[in-house]
Amino acid sequence: MAAGSVGMITVTNLHNYAMPLIRYQMGDMGRPTDRQPTCGRGLPLMDVVEGRSADVITTPSGNLLHGEFFTHLFYKLPGVRQFHVIQETRENLTIKIEPMQTFQREEASRFLEETIHQHGDPAFKITLEVVDKIPVASSGKFRFTMSRVPVEV
């Protein structure tokens, strides 16, 4: 993979003699670099971990949006206690919002659609759902974004 491009991280652990992990994809995304390690081993280095592949949104035109894109949108949107962005297909985004008392649905909907279309992809079809509670994942952690669209790198 070329330095600077984003791809799936695949690891191999041959140190575990009972069950070696050979070419295990853990679901993380990363970016390789051309830098060489200072220890002299010559193994490839990663520049940055981009996040989980399930947290990366693929736009209808094929570009990748990191989940942090959506987190930053909600910094500017008052009245939101919690949000969850779900991508079921390449074109469809569902945004669930757990509102506070000051939440204004029309203003939020307009802001999200305009910003996602301008900076993400104008072909996204966006559905806004206001819900009472957004549950945590089975892992016990909260995921702001979740994509069911495979990342093609």
N, C-alpha and C. Protein backbone atom coordinates (compact mmCIF):
# COMPACT_ATOMS: atom_id res chain seq x y z
N MET A 1 0.85 -1.18 0.00
CA MET A 1 0.00 0.00 0.00
C MET A 1 0.89 1.24 0.00
N ALA A 2 0.49 2.24 -0.73
CA ALA A 2 1.28 3.47 -0.85
C ALA A 2 1.21 4.29 0.44
N ALA A 3 2.34 4.92 0.76
CA ALA A 3 2.38 5.79 1.94
C ALA A 3 1.36 6.91 1.79
N GLY A 4 0.68 7.21 2.88
CA GLY A 4 -0.29 8.29 2.88
C GLY A 4 -1.72 7.85 2.58
N SER A 5 -1.91 6.66 1.99
CA SER A 5 -3.26 6.20 1.71
C SER A 5 -3.80 5.42 2.92
N VAL A 6 -5.10 5.43 3.08
CA VAL A 6 -5.72 4.78 4.22
C VAL A 6 -6.11 3.35 3.86
N GLY A 7 -5.86 2.42 4.77
CA GLY A 7 -6.21 1.02 4.52
C GLY A 7 -6.48 0.27 5.80
N MET A 8 -6.93 -0.97 5.64
CA MET A 8 -7.21 -1.83 6.78
C MET A 8 -5.90 -2.28 7.42
N ILE A 9 -5.88 -2.31 8.76
CA ILE A 9 -4.71 -2.81 9.47
C ILE A 9 -4.88 -4.31 9.66
N THR A 10 -3.89 -5.05 9.21
CA THR A 10 -3.89 -6.50 9.35
C THR A 10 -2.64 -6.88 10.12
N VAL A 11 -2.79 -7.70 11.15
CA VAL A 11 -1.65 -8.07 12.00
C VAL A 11 -1.44 -9.57 11.98
N THR A 12 -0.24 -9.97 12.29
CA THR A 12 0.12 -11.37 12.47
C THR A 12 0.89 -11.47 13.77
N ASN A 13 0.50 -12.40 14.63
CA ASN A 13 1.17 -12.62 15.90
C ASN A 13 1.60 -14.08 15.93
N LEU A 14 2.87 -14.32 15.70
CA LEU A 14 3.38 -15.69 15.72
C LEU A 14 3.98 -16.05 17.08
N HIS A 15 3.88 -15.13 18.04
CA HIS A 15 4.44 -15.36 19.36
C HIS A 15 3.51 -16.20 20.24
N ASN A 16 2.24 -16.28 19.88
CA ASN A 16 1.27 -17.06 20.64
C ASN A 16 1.27 -18.47 20.05
N TYR A 17 1.95 -19.41 20.71
CA TYR A 17 2.14 -20.75 20.16
C TYR A 17 0.85 -21.58 20.18
N ALA A 18 -0.06 -21.28 21.09
CA ALA A 18 -1.30 -22.05 21.16
C ALA A 18 -2.25 -21.69 20.03
N MET A 19 -2.28 -20.42 19.65
CA MET A 19 -3.21 -19.98 18.62
C MET A 19 -2.63 -18.76 17.91
N PRO A 20 -1.73 -18.95 16.96
CA PRO A 20 -1.18 -17.79 16.27
C PRO A 20 -2.25 -17.09 15.43
N LEU A 21 -2.20 -15.77 15.41
CA LEU A 21 -3.12 -14.97 14.60
C LEU A 21 -2.40 -14.63 13.30
N ILE A 22 -2.85 -15.20 12.23
CA ILE A 22 -2.21 -14.97 10.94
C ILE A 22 -3.15 -14.15 10.09
N ARG A 23 -2.68 -12.97 9.69
CA ARG A 23 -3.47 -12.04 8.88
C ARG A 23 -4.83 -11.76 9.53
N TYR A 24 -4.79 -11.26 10.74
CA TYR A 24 -6.00 -10.93 11.49
C TYR A 24 -6.36 -9.47 11.25
N GLN A 25 -7.55 -9.24 10.69
CA GLN A 25 -8.03 -7.87 10.50
C GLN A 25 -8.88 -7.50 11.70
N MET A 26 -8.38 -6.52 12.46
CA MET A 26 -9.03 -6.16 13.71
C MET A 26 -10.08 -5.06 13.54
N GLY A 27 -10.23 -4.56 12.32
CA GLY A 27 -11.25 -3.55 12.06
C GLY A 27 -10.74 -2.13 12.18
N ASP A 28 -9.44 -1.95 12.40
CA ASP A 28 -8.87 -0.61 12.48
C ASP A 28 -8.38 -0.16 11.12
N MET A 29 -8.38 1.15 10.92
CA MET A 29 -7.88 1.75 9.69
C MET A 29 -6.59 2.49 10.02
N GLY A 30 -5.63 2.47 9.11
CA GLY A 30 -4.37 3.15 9.35
C GLY A 30 -3.78 3.70 8.08
N ARG A 31 -2.68 4.41 8.24
CA ARG A 31 -2.01 5.06 7.13
C ARG A 31 -0.52 4.75 7.22
N PRO A 32 0.04 4.00 6.26
CA PRO A 32 1.48 3.72 6.29
C PRO A 32 2.31 4.96 5.94
N THR A 33 3.58 4.91 6.34
CA THR A 33 4.49 6.02 6.07
C THR A 33 5.75 5.51 5.39
N ASP A 34 6.49 6.41 4.76
CA ASP A 34 7.77 6.06 4.15
C ASP A 34 8.92 6.12 5.15
N ARG A 35 8.67 6.67 6.35
CA ARG A 35 9.74 6.78 7.35
C ARG A 35 10.28 5.40 7.71
N GLN A 36 11.52 5.35 8.07
CA GLN A 36 12.16 4.11 8.49
C GLN A 36 12.30 4.11 10.01
N PRO A 37 12.16 2.93 10.66
CA PRO A 37 12.32 2.89 12.11
C PRO A 37 13.76 3.20 12.51
N THR A 38 13.92 3.86 13.63
CA THR A 38 15.27 4.23 14.09
C THR A 38 16.04 3.04 14.65
N CYS A 39 15.35 1.93 14.93
CA CYS A 39 16.02 0.76 15.49
C CYS A 39 16.79 -0.02 14.44
N GLY A 40 16.55 0.28 13.15
CA GLY A 40 17.29 -0.38 12.09
C GLY A 40 16.68 -1.67 11.58
N ARG A 41 15.53 -2.08 12.08
CA ARG A 41 14.92 -3.35 11.67
C ARG A 41 14.37 -3.31 10.25
N GLY A 42 13.96 -2.16 9.78
CA GLY A 42 13.48 -2.04 8.41
C GLY A 42 12.03 -2.45 8.20
N LEU A 43 11.29 -2.67 9.26
CA LEU A 43 9.87 -3.02 9.13
C LEU A 43 9.06 -1.76 8.83
N PRO A 44 7.92 -1.93 8.16
CA PRO A 44 7.10 -0.75 7.82
C PRO A 44 6.53 -0.08 9.07
N LEU A 45 6.36 1.23 8.98
CA LEU A 45 5.80 2.01 10.07
C LEU A 45 4.46 2.59 9.67
N MET A 46 3.62 2.81 10.67
CA MET A 46 2.36 3.49 10.45
C MET A 46 2.50 4.93 10.89
N ASP A 47 1.89 5.82 10.13
CA ASP A 47 1.92 7.24 10.47
C ASP A 47 0.86 7.58 11.50
N VAL A 48 -0.36 7.05 11.29
CA VAL A 48 -1.47 7.40 12.18
C VAL A 48 -2.54 6.32 12.08
N VAL A 49 -3.22 6.06 13.18
CA VAL A 49 -4.38 5.18 13.16
C VAL A 49 -5.59 6.06 12.90
N GLU A 50 -6.36 5.73 11.88
CA GLU A 50 -7.49 6.55 11.46
C GLU A 50 -8.77 6.24 12.21
N GLY A 51 -8.87 5.09 12.83
CA GLY A 51 -10.09 4.72 13.54
C GLY A 51 -10.56 3.34 13.12
N ARG A 52 -11.72 2.96 13.58
CA ARG A 52 -12.30 1.67 13.25
C ARG A 52 -12.95 1.73 11.88
N SER A 53 -12.86 0.64 11.11
CA SER A 53 -13.46 0.64 9.78
C SER A 53 -14.97 0.81 9.86
N ALA A 54 -15.59 0.31 10.93
CA ALA A 54 -17.03 0.46 11.08
C ALA A 54 -17.41 1.89 11.42
N ASP A 55 -16.45 2.70 11.80
CA ASP A 55 -16.71 4.09 12.14
C ASP A 55 -16.44 5.02 10.96
N VAL A 56 -15.98 4.49 9.85
CA VAL A 56 -15.69 5.29 8.66
C VAL A 56 -16.90 5.23 7.74
N ILE A 57 -17.37 6.40 7.34
CA ILE A 57 -18.53 6.49 6.45
C ILE A 57 -18.03 6.64 5.02
N THR A 58 -18.55 5.79 4.13
CA THR A 58 -18.22 5.86 2.71
C THR A 58 -19.28 6.69 2.02
N THR A 59 -18.86 7.76 1.34
CA THR A 59 -19.82 8.63 0.66
C THR A 59 -20.33 7.96 -0.61
N PRO A 60 -21.46 8.41 -1.14
CA PRO A 60 -21.96 7.85 -2.40
C PRO A 60 -20.94 7.92 -3.54
N SER A 61 -20.06 8.93 -3.51
CA SER A 61 -19.05 9.05 -4.57
C SER A 61 -17.79 8.23 -4.27
N GLY A 62 -17.77 7.53 -3.13
CA GLY A 62 -16.64 6.64 -2.82
C GLY A 62 -15.59 7.22 -1.90
N ASN A 63 -15.72 8.47 -1.50
CA ASN A 63 -14.76 9.05 -0.55
C ASN A 63 -15.05 8.54 0.85
N LEU A 64 -14.06 8.65 1.73
CA LEU A 64 -14.21 8.20 3.11
C LEU A 64 -14.32 9.39 4.05
N LEU A 65 -15.29 9.33 4.96
CA LEU A 65 -15.46 10.35 5.99
C LEU A 65 -15.18 9.69 7.33
N HIS A 66 -14.21 10.21 8.05
CA HIS A 66 -13.91 9.70 9.38
C HIS A 66 -15.06 10.06 10.31
N GLY A 67 -15.33 9.23 11.29
CA GLY A 67 -16.41 9.47 12.23
C GLY A 67 -16.29 10.80 12.96
N GLU A 68 -15.07 11.30 13.12
CA GLU A 68 -14.87 12.59 13.78
C GLU A 68 -15.53 13.74 13.01
N PHE A 69 -15.75 13.55 11.72
CA PHE A 69 -16.45 14.56 10.93
C PHE A 69 -17.79 14.88 11.58
N PHE A 70 -18.51 13.83 11.99
CA PHE A 70 -19.83 14.01 12.58
C PHE A 70 -19.75 14.55 14.00
N THR A 71 -18.76 14.10 14.75
CA THR A 71 -18.57 14.61 16.10
C THR A 71 -18.41 16.12 16.08
N HIS A 72 -17.62 16.63 15.14
CA HIS A 72 -17.40 18.07 15.03
C HIS A 72 -18.67 18.81 14.61
N LEU A 73 -19.52 18.18 13.83
CA LEU A 73 -20.80 18.81 13.46
C LEU A 73 -21.64 19.10 14.70
N PHE A 74 -21.64 18.17 15.61
CA PHE A 74 -22.52 18.29 16.78
C PHE A 74 -21.97 19.24 17.84
N TYR A 75 -20.70 19.64 17.72
CA TYR A 75 -20.17 20.69 18.60
C TYR A 75 -20.93 21.99 18.36
N LYS A 76 -21.41 22.18 17.13
CA LYS A 76 -22.06 23.43 16.73
C LYS A 76 -23.58 23.35 16.80
N LEU A 77 -24.10 22.25 17.34
CA LEU A 77 -25.54 22.05 17.35
C LEU A 77 -26.05 21.97 18.79
N PRO A 78 -26.70 23.02 19.27
CA PRO A 78 -27.17 23.02 20.66
C PRO A 78 -28.36 22.09 20.87
N GLY A 79 -28.52 21.66 22.10
CA GLY A 79 -29.69 20.89 22.48
C GLY A 79 -29.60 19.40 22.20
N VAL A 80 -28.40 18.89 21.90
CA VAL A 80 -28.23 17.47 21.61
C VAL A 80 -27.50 16.82 22.77
N ARG A 81 -28.17 15.88 23.43
CA ARG A 81 -27.53 15.15 24.54
C ARG A 81 -26.60 14.07 23.98
N GLN A 82 -27.06 13.37 22.95
CA GLN A 82 -26.29 12.28 22.35
C GLN A 82 -26.74 12.13 20.91
N PHE A 83 -25.85 11.60 20.06
CA PHE A 83 -26.23 11.34 18.67
C PHE A 83 -25.59 10.04 18.21
N HIS A 84 -26.16 9.49 17.16
CA HIS A 84 -25.64 8.25 16.57
C HIS A 84 -25.91 8.30 15.08
N VAL A 85 -24.86 8.19 14.26
CA VAL A 85 -24.99 8.19 12.80
C VAL A 85 -24.83 6.75 12.32
N ILE A 86 -25.81 6.28 11.57
CA ILE A 86 -25.80 4.91 11.07
C ILE A 86 -25.88 4.95 9.55
N GLN A 87 -24.96 4.23 8.90
CA GLN A 87 -24.97 4.13 7.44
C GLN A 87 -25.35 2.70 7.07
N GLU A 88 -26.56 2.54 6.53
CA GLU A 88 -27.04 1.21 6.12
C GLU A 88 -26.61 0.89 4.69
N THR A 89 -26.66 1.90 3.81
CA THR A 89 -26.22 1.76 2.42
C THR A 89 -25.32 2.95 2.12
N ARG A 90 -24.68 2.91 0.98
CA ARG A 90 -23.75 3.98 0.63
C ARG A 90 -24.44 5.34 0.56
N GLU A 91 -25.71 5.37 0.19
CA GLU A 91 -26.43 6.63 0.01
C GLU A 91 -27.20 7.08 1.25
N ASN A 92 -27.53 6.17 2.16
CA ASN A 92 -28.45 6.47 3.25
C ASN A 92 -27.78 6.61 4.60
N LEU A 93 -27.98 7.77 5.21
CA LEU A 93 -27.52 8.02 6.57
C LEU A 93 -28.73 8.25 7.46
N THR A 94 -28.75 7.57 8.59
CA THR A 94 -29.77 7.82 9.60
C THR A 94 -29.06 8.46 10.78
N ILE A 95 -29.56 9.60 11.22
CA ILE A 95 -28.98 10.29 12.37
C ILE A 95 -30.00 10.26 13.49
N LYS A 96 -29.64 9.58 14.57
CA LYS A 96 -30.51 9.51 15.74
C LYS A 96 -30.02 10.54 16.74
N ILE A 97 -30.94 11.30 17.27
CA ILE A 97 -30.59 12.34 18.24
C ILE A 97 -31.40 12.14 19.50
N GLU A 98 -30.68 12.13 20.62
CA GLU A 98 -31.31 12.14 21.93
C GLU A 98 -31.30 13.60 22.37
N PRO A 99 -32.46 14.26 22.36
CA PRO A 99 -32.49 15.71 22.55
C PRO A 99 -32.50 16.14 24.03
N MET A 100 -32.10 17.38 24.21
CA MET A 100 -32.30 18.05 25.48
C MET A 100 -33.52 18.96 25.29
N GLN A 101 -33.91 19.64 26.33
CA GLN A 101 -35.10 20.48 26.27
C GLN A 101 -34.97 21.61 25.24
N THR A 102 -33.75 22.09 25.00
CA THR A 102 -33.53 23.22 24.09
C THR A 102 -33.39 22.83 22.63
N PHE A 103 -33.51 21.54 22.31
CA PHE A 103 -33.33 21.05 20.94
C PHE A 103 -34.39 21.61 20.01
N GLN A 104 -33.94 22.06 18.82
CA GLN A 104 -34.85 22.57 17.79
C GLN A 104 -34.67 21.72 16.53
N ARG A 105 -35.65 20.87 16.27
CA ARG A 105 -35.55 19.87 15.20
C ARG A 105 -35.33 20.49 13.82
N GLU A 106 -36.11 21.49 13.44
CA GLU A 106 -36.00 22.06 12.10
C GLU A 106 -34.63 22.70 11.88
N GLU A 107 -34.15 23.43 12.88
CA GLU A 107 -32.84 24.06 12.78
C GLU A 107 -31.74 23.00 12.67
N ALA A 108 -31.85 21.95 13.47
CA ALA A 108 -30.85 20.87 13.45
C ALA A 108 -30.87 20.15 12.10
N SER A 109 -32.06 19.84 11.62
CA SER A 109 -32.19 19.14 10.35
C SER A 109 -31.58 19.95 9.20
N ARG A 110 -31.90 21.23 9.16
CA ARG A 110 -31.37 22.11 8.11
C ARG A 110 -29.83 22.18 8.19
N PHE A 111 -29.30 22.40 9.39
CA PHE A 111 -27.85 22.51 9.58
C PHE A 111 -27.15 21.21 9.17
N LEU A 112 -27.67 20.06 9.61
CA LEU A 112 -27.02 18.79 9.30
C LEU A 112 -27.05 18.49 7.81
N GLU A 113 -28.20 18.68 7.18
CA GLU A 113 -28.29 18.41 5.74
C GLU A 113 -27.37 19.32 4.94
N GLU A 114 -27.39 20.62 5.23
CA GLU A 114 -26.54 21.55 4.49
C GLU A 114 -25.07 21.22 4.66
N THR A 115 -24.65 20.95 5.90
CA THR A 115 -23.23 20.73 6.17
C THR A 115 -22.76 19.39 5.61
N ILE A 116 -23.56 18.34 5.79
CA ILE A 116 -23.17 17.02 5.27
C ILE A 116 -23.14 17.04 3.74
N HIS A 117 -24.11 17.70 3.12
CA HIS A 117 -24.12 17.78 1.66
C HIS A 117 -22.96 18.62 1.13
N GLN A 118 -22.62 19.70 1.82
CA GLN A 118 -21.54 20.57 1.36
C GLN A 118 -20.16 19.96 1.59
N HIS A 119 -19.93 19.37 2.76
CA HIS A 119 -18.58 18.89 3.10
C HIS A 119 -18.43 17.38 3.01
N GLY A 120 -19.53 16.67 2.91
CA GLY A 120 -19.47 15.21 2.80
C GLY A 120 -19.77 14.77 1.39
N ASP A 121 -21.06 14.79 1.03
CA ASP A 121 -21.46 14.42 -0.32
C ASP A 121 -22.92 14.85 -0.52
N PRO A 122 -23.21 15.60 -1.59
CA PRO A 122 -24.58 16.07 -1.81
C PRO A 122 -25.56 14.94 -2.15
N ALA A 123 -25.05 13.75 -2.45
CA ALA A 123 -25.93 12.64 -2.81
C ALA A 123 -26.45 11.86 -1.59
N PHE A 124 -25.98 12.20 -0.40
CA PHE A 124 -26.49 11.51 0.79
C PHE A 124 -27.98 11.78 0.98
N LYS A 125 -28.72 10.74 1.31
CA LYS A 125 -30.12 10.86 1.73
C LYS A 125 -30.08 10.75 3.25
N ILE A 126 -30.53 11.80 3.93
CA ILE A 126 -30.38 11.88 5.38
C ILE A 126 -31.75 11.77 6.05
N THR A 127 -31.84 10.86 7.02
CA THR A 127 -33.05 10.71 7.82
C THR A 127 -32.69 11.08 9.25
N LEU A 128 -33.45 12.00 9.81
CA LEU A 128 -33.24 12.44 11.20
C LEU A 128 -34.32 11.81 12.08
N GLU A 129 -33.88 11.10 13.12
CA GLU A 129 -34.81 10.49 14.06
C GLU A 129 -34.52 11.05 15.46
N VAL A 130 -35.54 11.57 16.11
CA VAL A 130 -35.42 12.02 17.49
C VAL A 130 -35.90 10.87 18.37
N VAL A 131 -35.02 10.41 19.27
CA VAL A 131 -35.33 9.24 20.10
C VAL A 131 -35.19 9.59 21.58
N ASP A 132 -35.82 8.78 22.42
CA ASP A 132 -35.75 9.01 23.87
C ASP A 132 -34.38 8.67 24.43
N LYS A 133 -33.77 7.59 23.92
CA LYS A 133 -32.49 7.13 24.46
C LYS A 133 -31.70 6.43 23.37
N ILE A 134 -30.40 6.66 23.34
CA ILE A 134 -29.51 5.97 22.41
C ILE A 134 -28.70 4.98 23.25
N PRO A 135 -28.88 3.68 23.02
CA PRO A 135 -28.18 2.69 23.84
C PRO A 135 -26.70 2.56 23.47
N VAL A 136 -25.92 2.04 24.40
CA VAL A 136 -24.52 1.75 24.13
C VAL A 136 -24.45 0.44 23.34
N ALA A 137 -23.32 0.19 22.70
CA ALA A 137 -23.12 -1.03 21.92
C ALA A 137 -22.98 -2.23 22.87
N SER A 138 -23.00 -3.42 22.32
CA SER A 138 -22.88 -4.63 23.13
C SER A 138 -21.54 -4.68 23.88
N SER A 139 -20.55 -3.95 23.39
CA SER A 139 -19.24 -3.90 24.06
C SER A 139 -19.30 -3.04 25.32
N GLY A 140 -20.40 -2.30 25.51
CA GLY A 140 -20.51 -1.40 26.64
C GLY A 140 -20.00 0.00 26.32
N LYS A 141 -19.49 0.18 25.11
CA LYS A 141 -18.98 1.48 24.68
C LYS A 141 -20.00 2.16 23.78
N PHE A 142 -19.92 3.48 23.73
CA PHE A 142 -20.80 4.23 22.85
C PHE A 142 -20.09 4.51 21.54
N ARG A 143 -20.75 4.22 20.43
CA ARG A 143 -20.19 4.49 19.11
C ARG A 143 -20.99 5.62 18.48
N PHE A 144 -20.31 6.71 18.14
CA PHE A 144 -20.97 7.85 17.53
C PHE A 144 -21.39 7.55 16.10
N THR A 145 -20.56 6.80 15.39
CA THR A 145 -20.88 6.45 14.00
C THR A 145 -20.75 4.95 13.83
N MET A 146 -21.56 4.42 12.91
CA MET A 146 -21.49 3.00 12.59
C MET A 146 -21.88 2.83 11.13
N SER A 147 -21.02 2.19 10.37
CA SER A 147 -21.31 1.96 8.97
C SER A 147 -21.41 0.46 8.72
N ARG A 148 -22.43 0.08 7.99
CA ARG A 148 -22.58 -1.31 7.56
C ARG A 148 -22.15 -1.48 6.10
N VAL A 149 -21.49 -0.44 5.58
CA VAL A 149 -20.98 -0.46 4.20
C VAL A 149 -19.49 -0.81 4.27
N PRO A 150 -19.08 -1.88 3.59
CA PRO A 150 -17.66 -2.25 3.63
C PRO A 150 -16.78 -1.13 3.07
N VAL A 151 -15.65 -0.90 3.72
CA VAL A 151 -14.70 0.11 3.27
C VAL A 151 -13.86 -0.50 2.16
N GLU A 152 -13.86 0.16 1.02
CA GLU A 152 -13.06 -0.31 -0.12
C GLU A 152 -11.83 0.56 -0.22
N VAL A 153 -10.68 -0.04 0.01
CA VAL A 153 -9.42 0.71 -0.07
C VAL A 153 -8.51 0.13 -1.11
